[in-house]
């Protein structure tokens, strides 16, 4: 496919020189550059989420995680009982 792109003269000259040094056409250089740019992760992309799990005494097998109010009550009871 053909298209027209406007570039500053200095950038065009540098790109043509870089293509010649690599032994490729200007079009191939532009194609490679666009592929690299589009393959990069967007700026500010969040790091992959990693779930950390625990075993042993930290886990209360009787705790119903679908009831968040129960979590709050249990946490409050544990905090006030220890003081």
N, C-alpha and C. Protein backbone atom coordinates (compact mmCIF):
# COMPACT_ATOMS: atom_id res chain seq x y z
N UNK A 1 0.85 -1.17 0.00
CA UNK A 1 0.00 0.00 0.00
C UNK A 1 0.89 1.23 0.00
N UNK A 2 0.49 2.23 -0.67
CA UNK A 2 1.24 3.47 -0.73
C UNK A 2 0.52 4.54 0.07
N UNK A 3 1.32 5.42 0.66
CA UNK A 3 0.76 6.56 1.39
C UNK A 3 1.78 7.69 1.36
N UNK A 4 1.33 8.86 1.68
CA UNK A 4 2.22 10.03 1.71
C UNK A 4 2.39 10.47 3.15
N UNK A 5 3.64 10.70 3.53
CA UNK A 5 3.97 11.14 4.88
C UNK A 5 4.86 12.36 4.77
N UNK A 6 4.60 13.37 5.57
CA UNK A 6 5.44 14.56 5.60
C UNK A 6 6.46 14.43 6.73
N UNK A 7 7.74 14.60 6.39
CA UNK A 7 8.81 14.52 7.38
C UNK A 7 9.71 15.74 7.23
N UNK A 8 10.31 16.18 8.33
CA UNK A 8 11.30 17.25 8.22
C UNK A 8 12.47 16.76 7.35
N UNK A 9 13.06 17.65 6.59
CA UNK A 9 14.15 17.27 5.69
C UNK A 9 15.29 16.57 6.41
N UNK A 10 15.65 17.06 7.58
CA UNK A 10 16.77 16.46 8.31
C UNK A 10 16.47 15.02 8.73
N UNK A 11 15.22 14.77 9.15
CA UNK A 11 14.83 13.41 9.52
C UNK A 11 14.81 12.50 8.31
N UNK A 12 14.29 12.97 7.22
CA UNK A 12 14.26 12.19 5.98
C UNK A 12 15.68 11.85 5.53
N UNK A 13 16.58 12.81 5.57
CA UNK A 13 17.97 12.55 5.18
C UNK A 13 18.62 11.51 6.10
N UNK A 14 18.40 11.63 7.40
CA UNK A 14 18.96 10.67 8.35
C UNK A 14 18.39 9.28 8.13
N UNK A 15 17.10 9.20 7.86
CA UNK A 15 16.46 7.91 7.63
C UNK A 15 16.97 7.26 6.35
N UNK A 16 17.12 8.03 5.29
CA UNK A 16 17.64 7.49 4.03
C UNK A 16 19.07 7.00 4.21
N UNK A 17 19.87 7.76 4.97
CA UNK A 17 21.25 7.36 5.23
C UNK A 17 21.28 6.07 6.05
N UNK A 18 20.44 5.98 7.08
CA UNK A 18 20.38 4.77 7.92
C UNK A 18 19.96 3.56 7.09
N UNK A 19 19.01 3.73 6.19
CA UNK A 19 18.56 2.63 5.32
C UNK A 19 19.71 2.18 4.43
N UNK A 20 20.43 3.12 3.84
CA UNK A 20 21.55 2.79 2.96
C UNK A 20 22.64 2.04 3.73
N UNK A 21 22.93 2.48 4.96
CA UNK A 21 23.94 1.81 5.79
C UNK A 21 23.54 0.39 6.13
N UNK A 22 22.25 0.16 6.27
CA UNK A 22 21.76 -1.18 6.60
C UNK A 22 21.53 -2.04 5.36
N UNK A 23 21.62 -1.43 4.20
CA UNK A 23 21.40 -2.17 2.96
C UNK A 23 19.95 -2.51 2.72
N UNK A 24 19.04 -1.66 3.19
CA UNK A 24 17.61 -1.87 2.99
C UNK A 24 17.03 -0.61 2.36
N UNK A 25 15.81 -0.73 1.88
CA UNK A 25 15.15 0.43 1.28
C UNK A 25 14.60 1.33 2.38
N UNK A 26 14.31 2.57 2.00
CA UNK A 26 13.69 3.52 2.92
C UNK A 26 12.36 2.96 3.43
N UNK A 27 11.59 2.37 2.54
CA UNK A 27 10.29 1.80 2.93
C UNK A 27 10.46 0.69 3.96
N UNK A 28 11.48 -0.16 3.79
CA UNK A 28 11.73 -1.23 4.76
C UNK A 28 12.12 -0.66 6.11
N UNK A 29 12.92 0.42 6.09
CA UNK A 29 13.31 1.06 7.34
C UNK A 29 12.09 1.61 8.07
N UNK A 30 11.23 2.30 7.35
CA UNK A 30 10.01 2.86 7.95
C UNK A 30 9.12 1.74 8.48
N UNK A 31 8.97 0.68 7.72
CA UNK A 31 8.15 -0.46 8.15
C UNK A 31 8.71 -1.07 9.44
N UNK A 32 10.03 -1.30 9.47
CA UNK A 32 10.65 -1.88 10.67
C UNK A 32 10.48 -0.96 11.88
N UNK A 33 10.68 0.34 11.66
CA UNK A 33 10.55 1.30 12.75
C UNK A 33 9.12 1.33 13.29
N UNK A 34 8.14 1.31 12.42
CA UNK A 34 6.74 1.31 12.87
C UNK A 34 6.39 0.03 13.61
N UNK A 35 6.89 -1.11 13.11
CA UNK A 35 6.62 -2.37 13.81
C UNK A 35 7.21 -2.35 15.22
N UNK A 36 8.43 -1.86 15.35
CA UNK A 36 9.05 -1.78 16.68
C UNK A 36 8.28 -0.84 17.60
N UNK A 37 7.90 0.30 17.09
CA UNK A 37 7.17 1.27 17.90
C UNK A 37 5.82 0.71 18.35
N UNK A 38 5.11 0.06 17.44
CA UNK A 38 3.78 -0.45 17.77
C UNK A 38 3.84 -1.69 18.66
N UNK A 39 4.96 -2.40 18.68
CA UNK A 39 5.10 -3.60 19.51
C UNK A 39 5.43 -3.26 20.96
N UNK A 40 5.93 -2.06 21.19
CA UNK A 40 6.28 -1.67 22.56
C UNK A 40 5.03 -1.52 23.41
N UNK A 41 5.21 -1.76 24.71
CA UNK A 41 4.10 -1.55 25.64
C UNK A 41 3.83 -0.06 25.76
N UNK A 42 2.60 0.33 25.88
CA UNK A 42 2.29 1.76 26.03
C UNK A 42 2.94 2.33 27.29
N UNK A 43 3.30 3.58 27.24
CA UNK A 43 3.91 4.25 28.39
C UNK A 43 2.94 4.21 29.56
N UNK A 44 3.45 3.89 30.71
CA UNK A 44 2.62 3.85 31.91
C UNK A 44 1.79 2.59 32.02
N UNK A 45 2.09 1.60 31.22
CA UNK A 45 1.34 0.35 31.30
C UNK A 45 1.61 -0.32 32.64
N UNK A 46 0.60 -0.86 33.23
CA UNK A 46 0.73 -1.50 34.53
C UNK A 46 1.52 -2.80 34.40
N UNK A 47 2.31 -3.07 35.42
CA UNK A 47 3.05 -4.33 35.46
C UNK A 47 2.04 -5.47 35.62
N UNK A 48 2.37 -6.64 35.14
CA UNK A 48 1.45 -7.77 35.29
C UNK A 48 1.12 -8.01 36.76
N UNK A 49 -0.13 -8.30 37.04
CA UNK A 49 -0.57 -8.55 38.41
C UNK A 49 -0.08 -9.91 38.86
N UNK A 50 0.46 -9.97 40.06
CA UNK A 50 0.92 -11.24 40.60
C UNK A 50 0.21 -11.48 41.92
N UNK A 51 -0.48 -12.58 42.03
CA UNK A 51 -1.23 -12.93 43.23
C UNK A 51 -0.30 -13.66 44.19
N UNK A 52 -0.22 -13.16 45.41
CA UNK A 52 0.59 -13.80 46.44
C UNK A 52 -0.35 -14.55 47.38
N UNK A 53 -0.03 -15.78 47.66
CA UNK A 53 -0.85 -16.58 48.55
C UNK A 53 -0.03 -17.01 49.76
N UNK A 54 -0.72 -17.36 50.83
CA UNK A 54 -0.05 -17.80 52.06
C UNK A 54 -0.68 -19.09 52.54
N UNK A 55 0.06 -19.81 53.37
CA UNK A 55 -0.46 -21.03 53.99
C UNK A 55 -0.18 -20.99 55.49
N UNK A 56 -0.78 -21.88 56.19
CA UNK A 56 -0.44 -22.03 57.60
C UNK A 56 -1.30 -21.17 58.49
N UNK A 57 -0.66 -20.61 59.52
CA UNK A 57 -1.38 -19.89 60.57
C UNK A 57 -2.01 -18.59 60.10
N UNK A 58 -1.60 -18.06 58.97
CA UNK A 58 -2.17 -16.80 58.50
C UNK A 58 -3.57 -16.97 57.92
N UNK A 59 -3.93 -18.19 57.62
CA UNK A 59 -5.22 -18.45 56.97
C UNK A 59 -6.21 -18.97 58.01
N UNK A 60 -7.38 -18.36 58.06
CA UNK A 60 -8.44 -18.82 58.95
C UNK A 60 -9.44 -19.62 58.11
N UNK A 61 -9.44 -20.95 58.22
CA UNK A 61 -10.30 -21.76 57.36
C UNK A 61 -11.80 -21.50 57.58
N UNK A 62 -12.18 -20.93 58.72
CA UNK A 62 -13.59 -20.68 58.99
C UNK A 62 -14.07 -19.32 58.49
N UNK A 63 -13.20 -18.56 57.86
CA UNK A 63 -13.55 -17.21 57.43
C UNK A 63 -14.25 -17.23 56.08
N UNK A 64 -15.40 -16.59 56.01
CA UNK A 64 -16.17 -16.50 54.76
C UNK A 64 -15.75 -15.24 54.02
N UNK A 65 -14.97 -15.39 52.99
CA UNK A 65 -14.44 -14.24 52.26
C UNK A 65 -15.50 -13.52 51.43
N UNK A 66 -16.65 -14.10 51.27
CA UNK A 66 -17.71 -13.42 50.52
C UNK A 66 -18.44 -12.40 51.39
N UNK A 67 -18.15 -12.39 52.68
CA UNK A 67 -18.77 -11.42 53.60
C UNK A 67 -17.70 -10.48 54.12
N UNK A 68 -17.51 -9.36 53.45
CA UNK A 68 -16.46 -8.42 53.84
C UNK A 68 -16.72 -7.79 55.20
N UNK A 69 -17.97 -7.67 55.59
CA UNK A 69 -18.26 -7.11 56.90
C UNK A 69 -17.72 -8.03 57.99
N UNK A 70 -17.75 -9.33 57.76
CA UNK A 70 -17.21 -10.28 58.73
C UNK A 70 -15.70 -10.10 58.86
N UNK A 71 -15.04 -9.77 57.78
CA UNK A 71 -13.60 -9.52 57.83
C UNK A 71 -13.30 -8.32 58.72
N UNK A 72 -14.08 -7.27 58.58
CA UNK A 72 -13.87 -6.06 59.37
C UNK A 72 -14.11 -6.34 60.84
N UNK A 73 -15.17 -7.05 61.16
CA UNK A 73 -15.48 -7.38 62.55
C UNK A 73 -14.36 -8.23 63.14
N UNK A 74 -13.94 -9.23 62.42
CA UNK A 74 -12.88 -10.11 62.93
C UNK A 74 -11.58 -9.34 63.14
N UNK A 75 -11.26 -8.44 62.23
CA UNK A 75 -10.05 -7.64 62.37
C UNK A 75 -10.15 -6.72 63.59
N UNK A 76 -11.31 -6.09 63.79
CA UNK A 76 -11.51 -5.22 64.94
C UNK A 76 -11.40 -6.01 66.24
N UNK A 77 -12.03 -7.18 66.29
CA UNK A 77 -11.98 -8.00 67.50
C UNK A 77 -10.55 -8.41 67.82
N UNK A 78 -9.80 -8.76 66.79
CA UNK A 78 -8.40 -9.16 67.01
C UNK A 78 -7.57 -7.98 67.50
N UNK A 79 -7.83 -6.79 66.96
CA UNK A 79 -7.06 -5.61 67.36
C UNK A 79 -7.34 -5.22 68.81
N UNK A 80 -8.62 -5.22 69.20
CA UNK A 80 -8.98 -4.77 70.54
C UNK A 80 -8.69 -5.84 71.60
N UNK A 81 -8.66 -7.08 71.21
CA UNK A 81 -8.38 -8.17 72.14
C UNK A 81 -6.91 -8.16 72.53
N UNK A 82 -6.03 -7.76 71.61
CA UNK A 82 -4.59 -7.80 71.86
C UNK A 82 -4.11 -6.67 72.76
N UNK A 83 -4.88 -5.62 72.91
CA UNK A 83 -4.41 -4.45 73.67
C UNK A 83 -4.68 -4.56 75.11
